[in-house]
């Protein structure tokens, strides 16, 4: 039998329950006990939903109210929590590899004293167990944790966080041994830096660390994602681990090398065949072929079918989408739907005779065929325009020296001009007016008048404080990406497709579904109005094409280069 596995699940709640609870707690409107209850309710719902979708290996310990790396730092005594509450300087945030999630960077020094203040993985394992659900705890591996950290201001010269490995391993041994004593069968240990080139220099550290951890731990499933292992598989295959997870949605070409490396070992292979990064429905035919290849070499007992990464990068469920057309909904798969895909693919590879499994396979085949048919249609005008891009279009019409003189004459700015980056705060009043406009409670004309007043307030403030180059404050923009996507052909939008960016900051990424073009001006109206009410120079603001694409869910049937070029041409206009 082939087991199915989900590496992690969105922790925001299907209706953003966690965001609402956290922000209510910050505002003093919700007690700590009620906050924890809201969190427990979301965890309970997630675990039960995954079980109901027939997932075999359900994750626990991956939930967080803010950030899982920050939780890890707190549990390991890296963040100094004062007796009267948290009173520490802000830490840097950094993108979690090439995803749009941001983690809080651990700050480490020679003086860092690791100790296990609480075992979060054990707590959530026991919490799920009380509900009658057996889970697989998830923890961030020791080497990835240290490498993803940075030297604090107190660190000595030339300090490298990886030098703390001997100090941190005893804490990991305590954490893992407590899990084993509690009856945990296997544990997911995330080591995402194994897909980076720098990991090749850490082979000795990996050998040392896992030689110490394996004897006291449950079965270790070493987990990687977002890219290929490349030559790092050579030393990984020698580690005393029970299983290895690889991402086949981002790096399908690595399968042969990994199978060759672990063939003569007892290591199980978890195949990430369902994307944890994008929202397109999985092509069962491709996933099944990958699974069959692995089974032919390793056997059924050594293969697991899984999501490519945690599903925290996807919205919770398509069930909450009421405005997408039936055709559009048939293209997509959110977290819960992906869980069902994983379970179905595993069942197919286990030679299930269940008629529902056979029906799901046929439905997927038809759905993928319809999507491919749609993908073959294109906007000829957009494609021809991209094809006609010339080398000259990649260069400015004038050199900087020439532009500088023209700008100096036109703008008449002082030697050291002052300005701001662009957007002013999105106030409660702005959010309220936007919501009323969306519901039809106020007319377009009334909303426009409201926005004009907001812009004038921002302009007068900048004039008052003496800024030289002004901005209009962007009160009309709901989001730096969504705002533009809503005005471009080729995008679709969700009602509840929320994804965590960091903390309680959630976004609804637009989805690129076809060729992109600009049907009408997007920013001229508001920039022109802002300039009309001041004698000072006014900046226009655009989100760049690469950011627009990377902060959206991109197409998978055409290269990102083509999608970036189409966006660039729209912005060029």
Protein backbone atom coordinates (compact mmCIF):
# COMPACT_ATOMS: atom_id res chain seq x y z
CA UNK A 1 0.00 0.00 0.00
CA UNK A 2 1.21 3.48 -0.91
CA UNK A 3 0.79 6.06 1.86
CA UNK A 4 -0.33 9.63 1.17
CA UNK A 5 1.24 12.61 2.91
CA UNK A 6 0.68 16.33 3.35
CA UNK A 7 3.77 18.25 4.51
CA UNK A 8 1.94 21.17 6.10
CA UNK A 9 -1.39 22.97 5.97
CA UNK A 10 -2.52 26.63 5.87
CA UNK A 11 -2.74 27.91 9.44
CA UNK A 12 -5.01 30.88 8.74
CA UNK A 13 -8.42 29.18 8.87
CA UNK A 14 -10.88 28.87 6.00
CA UNK A 15 -12.37 32.27 6.89
CA UNK A 16 -9.21 33.93 8.28
CA UNK A 17 -10.16 33.02 11.83
CA UNK A 18 -6.55 33.22 13.03
CA UNK A 19 -5.96 36.70 11.60
CA UNK A 20 -9.11 38.01 13.22
CA UNK A 21 -8.27 36.43 16.58
CA UNK A 22 -4.64 37.61 16.60
CA UNK A 23 -5.51 41.18 15.70
CA UNK A 24 -8.35 41.24 18.22
CA UNK A 25 -5.89 40.04 20.87
CA UNK A 26 -3.40 42.76 19.92
CA UNK A 27 -6.20 45.32 20.18
CA UNK A 28 -7.10 44.12 23.69
CA UNK A 29 -10.49 42.86 22.53
CA UNK A 30 -9.76 39.15 23.00
CA UNK A 31 -8.21 37.32 25.94
CA UNK A 32 -5.18 35.06 25.62
CA UNK A 33 -7.40 32.08 26.48
CA UNK A 34 -9.85 32.93 23.71
CA UNK A 35 -6.97 33.42 21.28
CA UNK A 36 -5.65 29.95 22.09
CA UNK A 37 -9.15 28.50 21.71
CA UNK A 38 -9.48 30.04 18.25
CA UNK A 39 -6.10 28.54 17.31
CA UNK A 40 -7.09 25.12 18.67
CA UNK A 41 -10.36 25.23 16.69
CA UNK A 42 -8.47 25.88 13.44
CA UNK A 43 -6.02 23.06 14.15
CA UNK A 44 -8.89 20.69 14.95
CA UNK A 45 -10.72 21.58 11.75
CA UNK A 46 -7.57 21.14 9.66
CA UNK A 47 -6.68 17.74 11.11
CA UNK A 48 -10.23 16.43 10.77
CA UNK A 49 -10.50 17.73 7.21
CA UNK A 50 -7.28 15.98 6.19
CA UNK A 51 -8.43 12.75 7.82
CA UNK A 52 -11.79 13.01 6.07
CA UNK A 53 -9.92 13.44 2.78
CA UNK A 54 -8.15 10.11 3.44
CA UNK A 55 -4.65 11.51 3.97
CA UNK A 56 -2.52 8.93 5.79
CA UNK A 57 0.33 11.10 7.13
CA UNK A 58 -1.22 14.24 8.63
CA UNK A 59 1.14 17.00 9.83
CA UNK A 60 1.11 18.52 13.31
CA UNK A 61 3.41 21.09 14.90
CA UNK A 62 3.35 23.24 11.75
CA UNK A 63 0.65 25.59 13.06
CA UNK A 64 1.65 29.06 14.23
CA UNK A 65 -0.03 32.29 15.24
CA UNK A 66 2.73 34.28 13.53
CA UNK A 67 5.73 32.38 12.09
CA UNK A 68 6.98 28.83 12.55
CA UNK A 69 10.65 29.89 12.58
CA UNK A 70 9.93 32.46 15.29
CA UNK A 71 8.10 29.77 17.27
CA UNK A 72 11.18 27.57 16.95
CA UNK A 73 13.44 30.39 18.16
CA UNK A 74 11.17 31.00 21.13
CA UNK A 75 11.00 27.32 22.08
CA UNK A 76 14.80 27.03 21.86
CA UNK A 77 15.44 30.10 24.07
CA UNK A 78 16.86 32.16 21.20
CA UNK A 79 14.28 34.91 21.62
CA UNK A 80 14.61 36.40 25.08
CA UNK A 81 11.06 36.59 26.46
CA UNK A 82 10.95 38.90 29.46
CA UNK A 83 8.98 38.09 32.58
CA UNK A 84 6.56 40.94 31.86
CA UNK A 85 5.99 39.92 28.26
CA UNK A 86 7.93 40.12 25.02
CA UNK A 87 10.27 43.10 25.09
CA UNK A 88 12.92 42.59 22.43
CA UNK A 89 14.13 44.55 19.41
CA UNK A 90 12.45 43.76 16.11
CA UNK A 91 14.11 41.04 14.06
CA UNK A 92 14.66 41.00 10.34
CA UNK A 93 12.11 39.32 8.08
CA UNK A 94 13.26 37.42 5.01
CA UNK A 95 11.56 35.55 2.19
CA UNK A 96 11.23 31.81 2.77
CA UNK A 97 13.39 30.73 -0.17
CA UNK A 98 11.67 31.88 -3.38
CA UNK A 99 8.14 31.78 -1.94
CA UNK A 100 6.14 34.84 -0.94
CA UNK A 101 6.11 33.79 2.71
CA UNK A 102 8.40 35.70 5.09
CA UNK A 103 10.05 34.27 8.20
CA UNK A 104 11.60 36.00 11.21
CA UNK A 105 15.39 35.52 10.99
CA UNK A 106 16.98 34.02 14.12
CA UNK A 107 19.79 36.16 15.56
CA UNK A 108 22.60 34.07 17.03
CA UNK A 109 25.95 34.62 18.71
CA UNK A 110 28.71 32.77 20.59
CA UNK A 111 26.74 33.44 23.77
CA UNK A 112 23.45 31.91 22.59
CA UNK A 113 22.32 29.39 25.18
CA UNK A 114 19.92 26.88 23.69
CA UNK A 115 17.45 25.07 25.90
CA UNK A 116 14.03 23.54 25.30
CA UNK A 117 11.48 25.82 26.95
CA UNK A 118 8.53 23.85 25.57
CA UNK A 119 8.00 21.04 23.07
CA UNK A 120 5.51 22.48 20.59
CA UNK A 121 5.65 19.43 18.32
CA UNK A 122 4.77 17.14 21.23
CA UNK A 123 1.98 19.41 22.46
CA UNK A 124 0.21 19.43 19.11
CA UNK A 125 0.79 15.70 18.57
CA UNK A 126 -0.95 15.00 21.89
CA UNK A 127 -3.69 17.50 21.06
CA UNK A 128 -4.48 15.68 17.82
CA UNK A 129 -4.22 12.30 19.54
CA UNK A 130 -6.96 13.34 21.97
CA UNK A 131 -9.16 13.92 18.93
CA UNK A 132 -8.45 10.38 17.76
CA UNK A 133 -6.10 11.51 14.99
CA UNK A 134 -2.55 10.19 14.67
CA UNK A 135 -0.25 12.79 13.15
CA UNK A 136 3.35 13.13 12.03
CA UNK A 137 5.07 16.01 13.87
CA UNK A 138 6.94 18.57 11.79
CA UNK A 139 10.09 20.35 12.99
CA UNK A 140 12.68 22.57 11.34
CA UNK A 141 15.98 20.72 11.10
CA UNK A 142 19.05 21.90 13.06
CA UNK A 143 21.31 22.74 10.15
CA UNK A 144 18.69 24.62 8.15
CA UNK A 145 17.70 26.54 11.28
CA UNK A 146 21.28 27.67 11.91
CA UNK A 147 22.08 28.46 8.27
CA UNK A 148 18.87 30.47 7.89
CA UNK A 149 19.85 32.51 10.94
CA UNK A 150 22.35 35.34 11.12
CA UNK A 151 25.00 36.68 13.46
CA UNK A 152 23.61 39.12 16.02
CA UNK A 153 25.27 42.43 16.90
CA UNK A 154 26.78 40.75 19.95
CA UNK A 155 28.49 38.02 17.92
CA UNK A 156 32.26 37.98 17.65
CA UNK A 157 34.03 38.79 14.41
CA UNK A 158 33.85 36.02 11.79
CA UNK A 159 31.15 34.19 13.79
CA UNK A 160 29.17 31.68 11.74
CA UNK A 161 25.84 30.37 13.11
CA UNK A 162 26.66 26.82 11.95
CA UNK A 163 29.43 26.77 14.59
CA UNK A 164 26.63 26.40 17.18
CA UNK A 165 25.70 22.93 15.92
CA UNK A 166 27.31 21.11 18.91
CA UNK A 167 25.35 23.38 21.28
CA UNK A 168 21.97 22.96 19.60
CA UNK A 169 22.05 19.19 19.01
CA UNK A 170 21.41 18.26 22.68
CA UNK A 171 18.19 20.30 22.56
CA UNK A 172 17.08 18.54 19.39
CA UNK A 173 17.88 15.19 21.01
CA UNK A 174 15.69 16.11 23.98
CA UNK A 175 12.83 17.23 21.71
CA UNK A 176 13.01 14.12 19.52
CA UNK A 177 13.43 11.68 22.39
CA UNK A 178 10.29 13.13 24.03
CA UNK A 179 8.39 12.54 20.80
CA UNK A 180 9.64 8.96 20.62
CA UNK A 181 8.69 8.33 24.26
CA UNK A 182 5.19 9.58 23.48
CA UNK A 183 4.78 6.92 20.83
CA UNK A 184 5.47 9.02 17.72
CA UNK A 185 6.31 6.66 14.84
CA UNK A 186 7.92 9.11 12.43
CA UNK A 187 8.84 12.78 12.39
CA UNK A 188 9.16 15.17 9.46
CA UNK A 189 12.43 17.09 9.77
CA UNK A 190 12.56 19.95 7.28
CA UNK A 191 16.01 20.64 5.85
CA UNK A 192 15.18 22.92 2.91
CA UNK A 193 18.73 24.28 2.58
CA UNK A 194 19.69 20.90 1.10
CA UNK A 195 18.51 22.23 -2.28
CA UNK A 196 21.06 25.07 -2.08
CA UNK A 197 24.61 24.89 -3.42
CA UNK A 198 25.98 25.91 -0.01
CA UNK A 199 24.74 22.64 1.50
CA UNK A 200 27.46 20.74 -0.37
CA UNK A 201 29.99 22.19 2.08
CA UNK A 202 27.99 20.92 5.07
CA UNK A 203 28.16 17.19 4.40
CA UNK A 204 30.23 16.54 7.54
CA UNK A 205 27.84 18.58 9.70
CA UNK A 206 24.89 16.60 8.33
CA UNK A 207 26.67 13.29 8.99
CA UNK A 208 27.48 14.32 12.56
CA UNK A 209 24.05 15.76 13.34
CA UNK A 210 21.94 12.87 12.10
CA UNK A 211 24.27 10.24 13.53
CA UNK A 212 23.49 11.79 16.93
CA UNK A 213 19.77 12.34 16.35
CA UNK A 214 18.71 9.09 14.69
CA UNK A 215 19.26 6.75 17.70
CA UNK A 216 17.00 8.75 20.02
CA UNK A 217 14.41 9.95 17.51
CA UNK A 218 11.33 8.49 15.86
CA UNK A 219 11.90 7.50 12.24
CA UNK A 220 13.28 10.61 10.54
CA UNK A 221 11.77 11.70 7.22
CA UNK A 222 14.23 14.27 5.88
CA UNK A 223 12.26 16.82 3.89
CA UNK A 224 13.42 19.12 1.09
CA UNK A 225 11.47 21.28 -1.34
CA UNK A 226 11.48 24.08 -3.93
CA UNK A 227 14.40 22.77 -6.01
CA UNK A 228 16.59 19.75 -6.79
CA UNK A 229 19.13 18.09 -4.51
CA UNK A 230 21.70 17.79 -7.28
CA UNK A 231 25.00 16.28 -6.05
CA UNK A 232 23.91 16.69 -2.40
CA UNK A 233 22.02 13.41 -2.79
CA UNK A 234 25.37 11.61 -2.62
CA UNK A 235 25.90 12.38 1.07
CA UNK A 236 22.19 12.46 1.94
CA UNK A 237 21.86 8.82 0.85
CA UNK A 238 24.42 7.87 3.51
CA UNK A 239 22.54 9.51 6.40
CA UNK A 240 20.80 7.29 9.00
CA UNK A 241 17.32 8.44 7.99
CA UNK A 242 14.15 6.42 7.39
CA UNK A 243 12.85 8.53 4.53
CA UNK A 244 13.61 11.37 2.13
CA UNK A 245 11.16 13.79 0.55
CA UNK A 246 11.88 15.48 -2.80
CA UNK A 247 9.97 18.12 -4.78
CA UNK A 248 9.05 16.74 -8.22
CA UNK A 249 6.83 19.66 -9.21
CA UNK A 250 9.75 22.08 -9.24
CA UNK A 251 12.49 19.60 -10.17
CA UNK A 252 11.07 16.46 -11.84
CA UNK A 253 14.42 15.76 -13.49
CA UNK A 254 16.00 14.78 -10.17
CA UNK A 255 13.97 11.58 -9.76
CA UNK A 256 16.37 9.29 -11.64
CA UNK A 257 19.44 10.47 -9.72
CA UNK A 258 17.70 10.12 -6.36
CA UNK A 259 16.41 6.64 -7.17
CA UNK A 260 19.90 5.55 -8.20
CA UNK A 261 21.43 6.97 -5.01
CA UNK A 262 19.03 5.34 -2.55
CA UNK A 263 18.23 2.11 -4.41
CA UNK A 264 20.53 -0.04 -2.29
CA UNK A 265 19.52 1.61 1.00
CA UNK A 266 16.39 1.17 3.11
CA UNK A 267 15.39 4.82 2.73
CA UNK A 268 11.75 5.42 1.80
CA UNK A 269 11.12 8.04 -0.87
CA UNK A 270 8.38 10.64 -0.50
CA UNK A 271 7.46 11.99 -3.92
CA UNK A 272 6.22 15.60 -3.98
CA UNK A 273 3.94 15.23 -7.00
CA UNK A 274 1.18 17.67 -5.97
CA UNK A 275 2.31 21.31 -5.97
CA UNK A 276 2.32 23.12 -2.65
CA UNK A 277 3.22 26.37 -4.42
CA UNK A 278 0.63 26.86 -7.14
CA UNK A 279 -3.13 26.47 -7.42
CA UNK A 280 -3.49 24.51 -10.65
CA UNK A 281 -5.12 21.10 -10.56
CA UNK A 282 -2.60 18.25 -10.62
CA UNK A 283 -2.22 16.16 -13.75
CA UNK A 284 -2.72 12.64 -12.38
CA UNK A 285 -1.16 11.05 -15.48
CA UNK A 286 2.20 12.73 -14.84
CA UNK A 287 2.12 11.98 -11.10
CA UNK A 288 1.22 8.34 -11.68
CA UNK A 289 4.10 7.85 -14.12
CA UNK A 290 6.53 9.29 -11.56
CA UNK A 291 5.11 7.04 -8.85
CA UNK A 292 5.28 3.96 -11.07
CA UNK A 293 8.91 4.63 -11.88
CA UNK A 294 9.77 4.86 -8.17
CA UNK A 295 7.75 1.73 -7.33
CA UNK A 296 9.49 -0.26 -10.07
CA UNK A 297 12.86 0.38 -8.42
CA UNK A 298 12.01 0.64 -4.71
CA UNK A 299 8.80 -1.37 -4.35
CA UNK A 300 5.43 -0.30 -2.93
CA UNK A 301 6.61 -0.29 0.69
CA UNK A 302 9.25 2.39 0.08
CA UNK A 303 7.18 4.99 -1.80
CA UNK A 304 5.00 7.77 -0.36
CA UNK A 305 2.87 10.18 -2.43
CA UNK A 306 2.95 13.72 -1.06
CA UNK A 307 2.53 17.42 -1.63
CA UNK A 308 5.72 19.04 -2.91
CA UNK A 309 5.95 21.33 0.12
CA UNK A 310 3.72 22.61 2.89
CA UNK A 311 0.38 23.82 1.57
CA UNK A 312 0.70 27.06 3.55
CA UNK A 313 1.45 28.77 0.21
CA UNK A 314 -2.04 27.98 -1.13
CA UNK A 315 -5.56 29.08 -0.10
CA UNK A 316 -7.54 26.71 2.14
CA UNK A 317 -10.36 25.50 -0.11
CA UNK A 318 -12.18 26.14 -3.37
CA UNK A 319 -15.47 25.52 -1.57
CA UNK A 320 -15.53 29.16 -0.45
CA UNK A 321 -15.30 30.51 -4.00
CA UNK A 322 -18.74 31.60 -5.23
CA UNK A 323 -17.82 34.01 -8.03
CA UNK A 324 -15.46 31.92 -10.16
CA UNK A 325 -17.11 30.35 -13.19
CA UNK A 326 -17.50 26.57 -13.25
CA UNK A 327 -14.84 26.46 -15.97
CA UNK A 328 -12.41 28.42 -13.82
CA UNK A 329 -13.09 26.37 -10.68
CA UNK A 330 -12.36 23.23 -12.68
CA UNK A 331 -8.84 24.51 -13.37
CA UNK A 332 -7.85 25.02 -9.75
CA UNK A 333 -7.00 23.05 -6.63
CA UNK A 334 -6.47 24.68 -3.22
CA UNK A 335 -5.11 23.05 -0.06
CA UNK A 336 -8.01 20.73 0.78
CA UNK A 337 -8.45 19.77 -2.86
CA UNK A 338 -4.71 19.03 -3.08
CA UNK A 339 -5.00 16.78 -0.04
CA UNK A 340 -7.68 14.84 -1.88
CA UNK A 341 -5.45 14.66 -4.97
CA UNK A 342 -2.59 13.19 -2.93
CA UNK A 343 -4.87 10.54 -1.42
CA UNK A 344 -6.38 9.66 -4.81
CA UNK A 345 -3.00 9.31 -6.55
CA UNK A 346 -1.78 7.08 -3.71
CA UNK A 347 -4.92 4.95 -4.02
CA UNK A 348 -4.45 4.58 -7.77
CA UNK A 349 -0.83 3.49 -7.32
CA UNK A 350 -2.01 1.03 -4.65
CA UNK A 351 -4.23 -0.57 -7.32
CA UNK A 352 -7.42 0.45 -5.54
CA UNK A 353 -10.58 -1.13 -6.98
CA UNK A 354 -12.80 1.58 -5.49
CA UNK A 355 -15.16 2.89 -8.23
CA UNK A 356 -14.84 6.40 -6.77
CA UNK A 357 -11.08 6.32 -7.34
CA UNK A 358 -11.57 5.24 -10.95
CA UNK A 359 -14.14 8.00 -11.41
CA UNK A 360 -11.74 10.58 -9.93
CA UNK A 361 -9.01 9.49 -12.36
CA UNK A 362 -11.33 9.85 -15.35
CA UNK A 363 -12.65 13.21 -14.12
CA UNK A 364 -9.07 14.46 -13.76
CA UNK A 365 -8.21 13.30 -17.28
CA UNK A 366 -11.17 15.18 -18.75
CA UNK A 367 -10.46 18.29 -16.64
CA UNK A 368 -6.81 18.45 -17.69
CA UNK A 369 -7.78 17.95 -21.34
CA UNK A 370 -10.22 20.88 -21.16
CA UNK A 371 -7.60 23.07 -19.54
CA UNK A 372 -5.02 22.17 -22.22
CA UNK A 373 -7.59 23.03 -24.88
CA UNK A 374 -8.12 26.44 -23.28
CA UNK A 375 -4.35 26.98 -22.99
CA UNK A 376 -3.91 26.45 -26.71
CA UNK A 377 -6.00 29.55 -27.39
CA UNK A 378 -4.11 32.80 -27.21
CA UNK A 379 -4.48 36.49 -27.87
CA UNK A 380 -2.74 36.81 -31.22
CA UNK A 381 -2.29 40.55 -30.80
CA UNK A 382 -0.41 40.04 -27.53
CA UNK A 383 1.69 37.16 -28.89
CA UNK A 384 2.59 39.12 -32.05
CA UNK A 385 3.53 42.12 -29.96
CA UNK A 386 5.88 40.03 -27.80
CA UNK A 387 7.38 38.47 -30.93
CA UNK A 388 8.04 41.94 -32.35
CA UNK A 389 10.11 43.11 -29.35
CA UNK A 390 13.37 44.51 -30.72
CA UNK A 391 16.75 44.95 -28.97
CA UNK A 392 16.24 48.73 -29.11
CA UNK A 393 13.17 48.40 -26.89
CA UNK A 394 15.39 47.19 -24.04
CA UNK A 395 17.19 50.54 -23.95
CA UNK A 396 16.14 54.02 -22.85
CA UNK A 397 15.79 56.62 -25.60
CA UNK A 398 18.32 58.89 -23.90
CA UNK A 399 21.40 58.35 -21.75
CA UNK A 400 21.22 59.23 -18.06
CA UNK A 401 23.30 62.37 -18.49
CA UNK A 402 20.79 63.71 -21.01
CA UNK A 403 17.77 62.74 -18.91
CA UNK A 404 19.34 64.29 -15.83
CA UNK A 405 19.58 67.72 -17.49
CA UNK A 406 16.01 67.59 -18.80
CA UNK A 407 14.68 66.47 -15.42
CA UNK A 408 16.60 69.17 -13.56
CA UNK A 409 15.11 71.85 -15.82
CA UNK A 410 11.57 70.51 -15.61
CA UNK A 411 11.35 69.46 -11.96
CA UNK A 412 13.38 72.28 -10.39
CA UNK A 413 14.23 70.17 -7.34
CA UNK A 414 16.72 71.26 -4.68
CA UNK A 415 20.15 69.65 -4.38
CA UNK A 416 18.94 67.06 -1.86
CA UNK A 417 15.22 66.55 -2.65
CA UNK A 418 12.90 64.78 -0.23
CA UNK A 419 10.14 62.33 -1.10
CA UNK A 420 8.44 59.15 0.12
CA UNK A 421 8.25 55.72 -1.50
CA UNK A 422 4.57 55.96 -2.37
CA UNK A 423 1.69 54.62 -0.36
CA UNK A 424 0.31 56.29 2.75
CA UNK A 425 -1.53 54.24 5.42
CA UNK A 426 -4.72 52.46 4.42
CA UNK A 427 -6.88 53.91 7.18
CA UNK A 428 -10.04 52.41 8.67
CA UNK A 429 -12.01 55.01 6.75
CA UNK A 430 -10.46 53.94 3.44
CA UNK A 431 -11.06 50.27 4.09
CA UNK A 432 -14.63 51.00 5.17
CA UNK A 433 -15.37 53.05 2.06
CA UNK A 434 -13.85 50.37 -0.18
CA UNK A 435 -16.01 47.71 1.46
CA UNK A 436 -19.16 49.83 1.08
CA UNK A 437 -18.34 50.46 -2.57
CA UNK A 438 -17.78 46.76 -3.15
CA UNK A 439 -21.17 45.96 -1.62
CA UNK A 440 -22.91 48.67 -3.64
CA UNK A 441 -23.75 50.74 -0.56
CA UNK A 442 -22.17 53.82 -2.13
CA UNK A 443 -22.07 54.76 -5.82
CA UNK A 444 -19.01 55.02 -8.05
CA UNK A 445 -19.32 58.81 -7.97
CA UNK A 446 -19.50 58.88 -4.17
CA UNK A 447 -16.47 56.59 -3.91
CA UNK A 448 -14.49 58.75 -6.34
CA UNK A 449 -15.27 61.88 -4.31
CA UNK A 450 -14.13 60.10 -1.15
CA UNK A 451 -10.83 59.10 -2.80
CA UNK A 452 -10.24 62.63 -4.09
CA UNK A 453 -10.61 63.99 -0.55
CA UNK A 454 -8.16 61.38 0.74
CA UNK A 455 -5.65 62.30 -1.97
CA UNK A 456 -5.99 66.02 -1.23
CA UNK A 457 -5.41 65.37 2.49
CA UNK A 458 -2.19 63.50 1.70
CA UNK A 459 -1.01 66.15 -0.75
CA UNK A 460 -1.65 69.02 1.67
CA UNK A 461 0.18 67.15 4.43
CA UNK A 462 3.26 66.69 2.21
CA UNK A 463 3.20 70.35 1.24
CA UNK A 464 2.90 71.35 4.90
CA UNK A 465 5.90 69.30 6.03
CA UNK A 466 7.97 70.53 3.08
CA UNK A 467 8.51 67.47 0.90
CA UNK A 468 9.79 68.31 -2.57
CA UNK A 469 8.54 65.46 -4.76
CA UNK A 470 5.01 64.37 -3.87
CA UNK A 471 2.96 61.18 -4.08
CA UNK A 472 -0.81 60.77 -4.07
CA UNK A 473 -0.85 58.15 -1.31
CA UNK A 474 -2.59 55.40 -3.33
CA UNK A 475 -5.90 55.29 -1.37
CA UNK A 476 -7.57 53.70 -4.42
CA UNK A 477 -5.28 50.64 -4.36
CA UNK A 478 -6.35 47.60 -2.38
CA UNK A 479 -2.98 45.93 -2.91
CA UNK A 480 0.13 46.72 -4.95
CA UNK A 481 -0.47 43.65 -7.15
CA UNK A 482 -4.20 43.00 -6.98
CA UNK A 483 -4.99 46.59 -8.01
CA UNK A 484 -3.16 46.20 -11.32
CA UNK A 485 -4.28 42.64 -11.95
CA UNK A 486 -7.92 43.68 -11.65
CA UNK A 487 -7.40 46.12 -14.53
CA UNK A 488 -5.55 43.75 -16.86
CA UNK A 489 -6.92 41.13 -19.21
CA UNK A 490 -5.66 37.62 -18.46
CA UNK A 491 -6.16 37.56 -14.66
CA UNK A 492 -8.88 36.07 -12.48
CA UNK A 493 -9.50 36.75 -8.79
CA UNK A 494 -10.80 34.83 -5.83
CA UNK A 495 -13.10 35.91 -3.00
CA UNK A 496 -11.37 33.94 -0.26
CA UNK A 497 -8.09 32.80 -1.79
CA UNK A 498 -6.09 34.18 1.12
CA UNK A 499 -2.45 33.18 1.62
CA UNK A 500 -0.21 34.15 4.52
CA UNK A 501 2.59 36.56 3.63
CA UNK A 502 3.81 37.10 7.20
CA UNK A 503 2.23 37.25 10.64
CA UNK A 504 -1.37 38.38 10.26
CA UNK A 505 -0.66 39.86 6.83
CA UNK A 506 -2.61 37.81 4.26
CA UNK A 507 -2.89 38.45 0.53
CA UNK A 508 -5.16 37.19 -2.24
CA UNK A 509 -2.76 36.60 -5.14
CA UNK A 510 -4.24 37.18 -8.59
CA UNK A 511 -4.13 34.18 -10.94
CA UNK A 512 -2.68 34.52 -14.44
CA UNK A 513 -4.85 32.33 -16.68
CA UNK A 514 -4.21 33.64 -20.20
CA UNK A 515 -2.31 36.23 -22.24
CA UNK A 516 -2.03 39.57 -20.43
CA UNK A 517 -2.89 42.96 -21.94
CA UNK A 518 -4.03 46.38 -20.77
CA UNK A 519 -7.52 47.35 -22.03
CA UNK A 520 -7.41 50.93 -20.68
CA UNK A 521 -5.26 53.30 -18.57
CA UNK A 522 -4.83 52.12 -15.00
CA UNK A 523 -3.29 54.98 -13.03
CA UNK A 524 -3.63 58.11 -15.17
CA UNK A 525 -6.90 59.25 -13.61
CA UNK A 526 -5.59 59.47 -10.06
CA UNK A 527 -2.08 60.68 -10.85
CA UNK A 528 -3.52 63.44 -13.05
CA UNK A 529 -5.94 64.53 -10.35
CA UNK A 530 -3.18 64.59 -7.74
CA UNK A 531 -0.97 66.73 -9.99
CA UNK A 532 -3.87 69.10 -10.68
CA UNK A 533 -4.14 70.14 -7.02
CA UNK A 534 -0.48 71.04 -6.40
CA UNK A 535 2.23 73.09 -8.06
CA UNK A 536 4.89 70.68 -6.84
CA UNK A 537 5.92 67.72 -8.99
CA UNK A 538 3.91 64.52 -8.48
CA UNK A 539 5.29 60.99 -8.91
CA UNK A 540 3.35 58.20 -10.55
CA UNK A 541 3.75 54.72 -9.06
CA UNK A 542 3.70 51.34 -10.79
CA UNK A 543 4.39 47.83 -9.53
CA UNK A 544 7.02 46.25 -11.77
CA UNK A 545 6.32 43.28 -14.06
CA UNK A 546 8.45 40.72 -12.21
CA UNK A 547 6.85 41.59 -8.86
CA UNK A 548 3.40 41.46 -10.45
CA UNK A 549 4.14 37.96 -11.74
CA UNK A 550 5.91 36.60 -8.65
CA UNK A 551 3.20 37.86 -6.31
CA UNK A 552 0.54 36.19 -8.44
CA UNK A 553 -0.09 32.54 -9.17
CA UNK A 554 1.53 32.24 -12.61
CA UNK A 555 0.57 30.05 -15.54
CA UNK A 556 2.39 26.74 -15.80
CA UNK A 557 1.82 26.11 -19.52
CA UNK A 558 4.04 28.93 -20.79
CA UNK A 559 7.43 30.24 -19.57
CA UNK A 560 7.59 32.93 -16.94
CA UNK A 561 9.68 34.98 -19.37
CA UNK A 562 6.72 35.26 -21.74
CA UNK A 563 4.38 36.24 -18.89
CA UNK A 564 6.87 38.86 -17.67
CA UNK A 565 7.21 40.30 -21.16
CA UNK A 566 3.44 40.59 -21.55
CA UNK A 567 3.19 42.40 -18.21
CA UNK A 568 6.10 44.66 -19.14
CA UNK A 569 4.42 45.68 -22.39
CA UNK A 570 1.20 46.49 -20.52
CA UNK A 571 3.14 48.67 -18.07
CA UNK A 572 5.13 50.21 -20.93
CA UNK A 573 1.85 51.50 -22.33
